[in-house]
Amino acid sequence: MKGFLRFLKKLFGICAVIYGILFVVFYWDLDGKFMYYIWEPFMVKRFDNMKREDNTKIPYMKKDILEPREYTEIY
């Protein structure tokens, strides 16, 4: 019984720490700030430099015939 109570105490402590961390993250909107200041500029830098074909120069009837391109080249 003593071991079970010790286990419950540790489990409660771990849950309290996780709850506290999540409270801090969402109270100060740290997840949104991370997405806005770190993640979004990183993704914009990555995906704005990809080579892409200009879809406005492809005739409308030939759009389905073109072979798929690799969009992983960065220039």
N, C-alpha and C. Protein backbone atom coordinates (compact mmCIF):
# COMPACT_ATOMS: atom_id res chain seq x y z
N MET A 1 0.83 -1.20 0.00
CA MET A 1 0.00 0.00 0.00
C MET A 1 0.87 1.25 0.00
N LYS A 2 2.01 1.18 0.73
CA LYS A 2 2.90 2.33 0.80
C LYS A 2 3.48 2.65 -0.58
N GLY A 3 3.84 1.59 -1.31
CA GLY A 3 4.39 1.77 -2.65
C GLY A 3 3.36 2.37 -3.61
N PHE A 4 2.12 1.94 -3.46
CA PHE A 4 1.05 2.46 -4.32
C PHE A 4 0.82 3.94 -4.05
N LEU A 5 0.84 4.35 -2.78
CA LEU A 5 0.66 5.76 -2.45
C LEU A 5 1.83 6.60 -2.95
N ARG A 6 3.04 6.06 -2.87
CA ARG A 6 4.21 6.76 -3.38
C ARG A 6 4.09 6.94 -4.91
N PHE A 7 3.60 5.90 -5.58
CA PHE A 7 3.39 5.98 -7.03
C PHE A 7 2.35 7.05 -7.36
N LEU A 8 1.24 7.08 -6.60
CA LEU A 8 0.21 8.09 -6.85
C LEU A 8 0.74 9.50 -6.61
N LYS A 9 1.58 9.66 -5.57
CA LYS A 9 2.16 10.96 -5.28
C LYS A 9 3.07 11.42 -6.42
N LYS A 10 3.89 10.51 -6.94
CA LYS A 10 4.76 10.85 -8.07
C LYS A 10 3.95 11.17 -9.31
N LEU A 11 2.91 10.38 -9.56
CA LEU A 11 2.05 10.61 -10.72
C LEU A 11 1.36 11.96 -10.61
N PHE A 12 0.85 12.29 -9.42
CA PHE A 12 0.20 13.57 -9.20
C PHE A 12 1.20 14.71 -9.39
N GLY A 13 2.41 14.54 -8.91
CA GLY A 13 3.44 15.58 -9.07
C GLY A 13 3.80 15.80 -10.53
N ILE A 14 3.94 14.72 -11.28
CA ILE A 14 4.25 14.84 -12.71
C ILE A 14 3.11 15.53 -13.45
N CYS A 15 1.89 15.14 -13.13
CA CYS A 15 0.72 15.77 -13.77
C CYS A 15 0.63 17.25 -13.41
N ALA A 16 0.95 17.61 -12.17
CA ALA A 16 0.91 19.01 -11.75
C ALA A 16 1.96 19.83 -12.50
N VAL A 17 3.15 19.27 -12.68
CA VAL A 17 4.21 19.97 -13.42
C VAL A 17 3.79 20.17 -14.87
N ILE A 18 3.26 19.14 -15.49
CA ILE A 18 2.81 19.25 -16.89
C ILE A 18 1.69 20.28 -17.00
N TYR A 19 0.75 20.26 -16.07
CA TYR A 19 -0.34 21.23 -16.08
C TYR A 19 0.20 22.65 -15.93
N GLY A 20 1.17 22.83 -15.04
CA GLY A 20 1.77 24.15 -14.84
C GLY A 20 2.48 24.65 -16.09
N ILE A 21 3.21 23.77 -16.75
CA ILE A 21 3.90 24.16 -17.98
C ILE A 21 2.89 24.55 -19.06
N LEU A 22 1.86 23.74 -19.23
CA LEU A 22 0.84 24.06 -20.23
C LEU A 22 0.10 25.35 -19.90
N PHE A 23 -0.14 25.61 -18.62
CA PHE A 23 -0.79 26.85 -18.21
C PHE A 23 0.06 28.05 -18.60
N VAL A 24 1.35 27.98 -18.31
CA VAL A 24 2.25 29.08 -18.64
C VAL A 24 2.30 29.30 -20.15
N VAL A 25 2.40 28.22 -20.91
CA VAL A 25 2.48 28.33 -22.37
C VAL A 25 1.23 29.00 -22.93
N PHE A 26 0.07 28.59 -22.51
CA PHE A 26 -1.16 29.13 -23.08
C PHE A 26 -1.56 30.47 -22.45
N TYR A 27 -1.18 30.73 -21.20
CA TYR A 27 -1.52 32.00 -20.56
C TYR A 27 -0.81 33.16 -21.25
N TRP A 28 0.48 32.98 -21.54
CA TRP A 28 1.25 34.01 -22.20
C TRP A 28 1.32 33.80 -23.71
N ASP A 29 0.53 32.91 -24.25
CA ASP A 29 0.45 32.66 -25.69
C ASP A 29 1.82 32.38 -26.29
N LEU A 30 2.61 31.58 -25.61
CA LEU A 30 3.95 31.27 -26.09
C LEU A 30 3.93 30.43 -27.35
N ASP A 31 2.89 29.63 -27.52
CA ASP A 31 2.80 28.83 -28.74
C ASP A 31 2.55 29.73 -29.95
N GLY A 32 1.69 30.72 -29.81
CA GLY A 32 1.43 31.65 -30.90
C GLY A 32 2.64 32.51 -31.22
N LYS A 33 3.35 32.94 -30.18
CA LYS A 33 4.55 33.74 -30.40
C LYS A 33 5.64 32.92 -31.08
N PHE A 34 5.75 31.67 -30.71
CA PHE A 34 6.71 30.78 -31.37
C PHE A 34 6.36 30.64 -32.85
N MET A 35 5.08 30.41 -33.14
CA MET A 35 4.66 30.24 -34.53
C MET A 35 4.90 31.53 -35.33
N TYR A 36 4.62 32.69 -34.74
CA TYR A 36 4.71 33.96 -35.46
C TYR A 36 6.15 34.41 -35.66
N TYR A 37 6.97 34.33 -34.61
CA TYR A 37 8.31 34.89 -34.67
C TYR A 37 9.39 33.91 -35.12
N ILE A 38 9.17 32.62 -34.96
CA ILE A 38 10.21 31.64 -35.29
C ILE A 38 9.78 30.73 -36.43
N TRP A 39 8.66 30.06 -36.29
CA TRP A 39 8.27 29.04 -37.27
C TRP A 39 7.88 29.65 -38.62
N GLU A 40 7.04 30.68 -38.60
CA GLU A 40 6.57 31.26 -39.87
C GLU A 40 7.70 31.87 -40.69
N PRO A 41 8.62 32.68 -40.12
CA PRO A 41 9.74 33.17 -40.94
C PRO A 41 10.61 32.04 -41.49
N PHE A 42 10.79 30.99 -40.71
CA PHE A 42 11.56 29.84 -41.18
C PHE A 42 10.88 29.19 -42.38
N MET A 43 9.57 29.01 -42.31
CA MET A 43 8.83 28.39 -43.40
C MET A 43 8.75 29.30 -44.63
N VAL A 44 8.59 30.60 -44.41
CA VAL A 44 8.56 31.54 -45.53
C VAL A 44 9.90 31.52 -46.25
N LYS A 45 10.98 31.53 -45.49
CA LYS A 45 12.31 31.48 -46.09
C LYS A 45 12.50 30.20 -46.89
N ARG A 46 12.01 29.11 -46.38
CA ARG A 46 12.17 27.81 -47.04
C ARG A 46 11.32 27.70 -48.30
N PHE A 47 10.06 28.02 -48.20
CA PHE A 47 9.15 27.77 -49.31
C PHE A 47 9.08 28.90 -50.33
N ASP A 48 9.51 30.12 -49.98
CA ASP A 48 9.54 31.19 -50.96
C ASP A 48 10.71 31.05 -51.92
N ASN A 49 11.72 30.26 -51.58
CA ASN A 49 12.88 30.08 -52.44
C ASN A 49 12.80 28.84 -53.31
N MET A 50 11.68 28.17 -53.34
CA MET A 50 11.54 26.98 -54.18
C MET A 50 11.36 27.36 -55.64
N LYS A 51 11.92 26.54 -56.51
CA LYS A 51 11.69 26.74 -57.93
C LYS A 51 10.28 26.25 -58.26
N ARG A 52 9.55 27.09 -58.96
CA ARG A 52 8.20 26.72 -59.38
C ARG A 52 8.00 27.18 -60.82
N GLU A 53 7.22 26.43 -61.53
CA GLU A 53 6.86 26.85 -62.88
C GLU A 53 5.82 27.95 -62.79
N ASP A 54 5.85 28.84 -63.75
CA ASP A 54 4.85 29.91 -63.80
C ASP A 54 3.59 29.34 -64.44
N ASN A 55 2.57 29.13 -63.65
CA ASN A 55 1.33 28.54 -64.14
C ASN A 55 0.56 29.45 -65.09
N THR A 56 0.87 30.73 -65.08
CA THR A 56 0.16 31.63 -65.97
C THR A 56 0.64 31.52 -67.41
N LYS A 57 1.79 30.89 -67.64
CA LYS A 57 2.33 30.76 -68.99
C LYS A 57 2.00 29.42 -69.63
N ILE A 58 1.31 28.55 -68.92
CA ILE A 58 0.93 27.24 -69.46
C ILE A 58 -0.46 27.37 -70.08
N PRO A 59 -0.62 26.92 -71.32
CA PRO A 59 -1.97 26.95 -71.89
C PRO A 59 -2.94 26.11 -71.05
N TYR A 60 -4.17 26.55 -70.99
CA TYR A 60 -5.15 25.93 -70.09
C TYR A 60 -5.36 24.45 -70.39
N MET A 61 -5.40 24.08 -71.64
CA MET A 61 -5.68 22.69 -71.99
C MET A 61 -4.50 21.76 -71.71
N LYS A 62 -3.30 22.30 -71.53
CA LYS A 62 -2.12 21.46 -71.33
C LYS A 62 -1.75 21.31 -69.85
N LYS A 63 -2.49 21.89 -68.96
CA LYS A 63 -2.13 21.84 -67.55
C LYS A 63 -2.16 20.43 -66.99
N ASP A 64 -3.08 19.60 -67.45
CA ASP A 64 -3.19 18.24 -66.94
C ASP A 64 -2.16 17.30 -67.56
N ILE A 65 -1.60 17.66 -68.70
CA ILE A 65 -0.67 16.79 -69.41
C ILE A 65 0.75 16.89 -68.86
N LEU A 66 1.10 18.00 -68.24
CA LEU A 66 2.47 18.21 -67.77
C LEU A 66 2.85 17.18 -66.71
N GLU A 67 4.09 16.76 -66.77
CA GLU A 67 4.58 15.80 -65.77
C GLU A 67 4.82 16.52 -64.45
N PRO A 68 4.64 15.83 -63.35
CA PRO A 68 4.88 16.48 -62.05
C PRO A 68 6.36 16.77 -61.85
N ARG A 69 6.66 17.88 -61.27
CA ARG A 69 8.03 18.31 -61.03
C ARG A 69 8.39 18.11 -59.56
N GLU A 70 9.68 18.03 -59.31
CA GLU A 70 10.17 18.01 -57.94
C GLU A 70 10.27 19.45 -57.46
N TYR A 71 9.66 19.76 -56.36
CA TYR A 71 9.70 21.12 -55.82
C TYR A 71 10.65 21.22 -54.64
N THR A 72 11.72 20.48 -54.67
CA THR A 72 12.64 20.50 -53.54
C THR A 72 13.91 21.27 -53.84
N GLU A 73 14.10 21.74 -55.07
CA GLU A 73 15.31 22.49 -55.40
C GLU A 73 15.18 23.91 -54.88
N ILE A 74 16.22 24.37 -54.22
CA ILE A 74 16.25 25.73 -53.70
C ILE A 74 17.31 26.50 -54.48
N TYR A 75 16.98 27.68 -54.90
CA TYR A 75 17.95 28.50 -55.62
C TYR A 75 18.19 29.79 -54.90
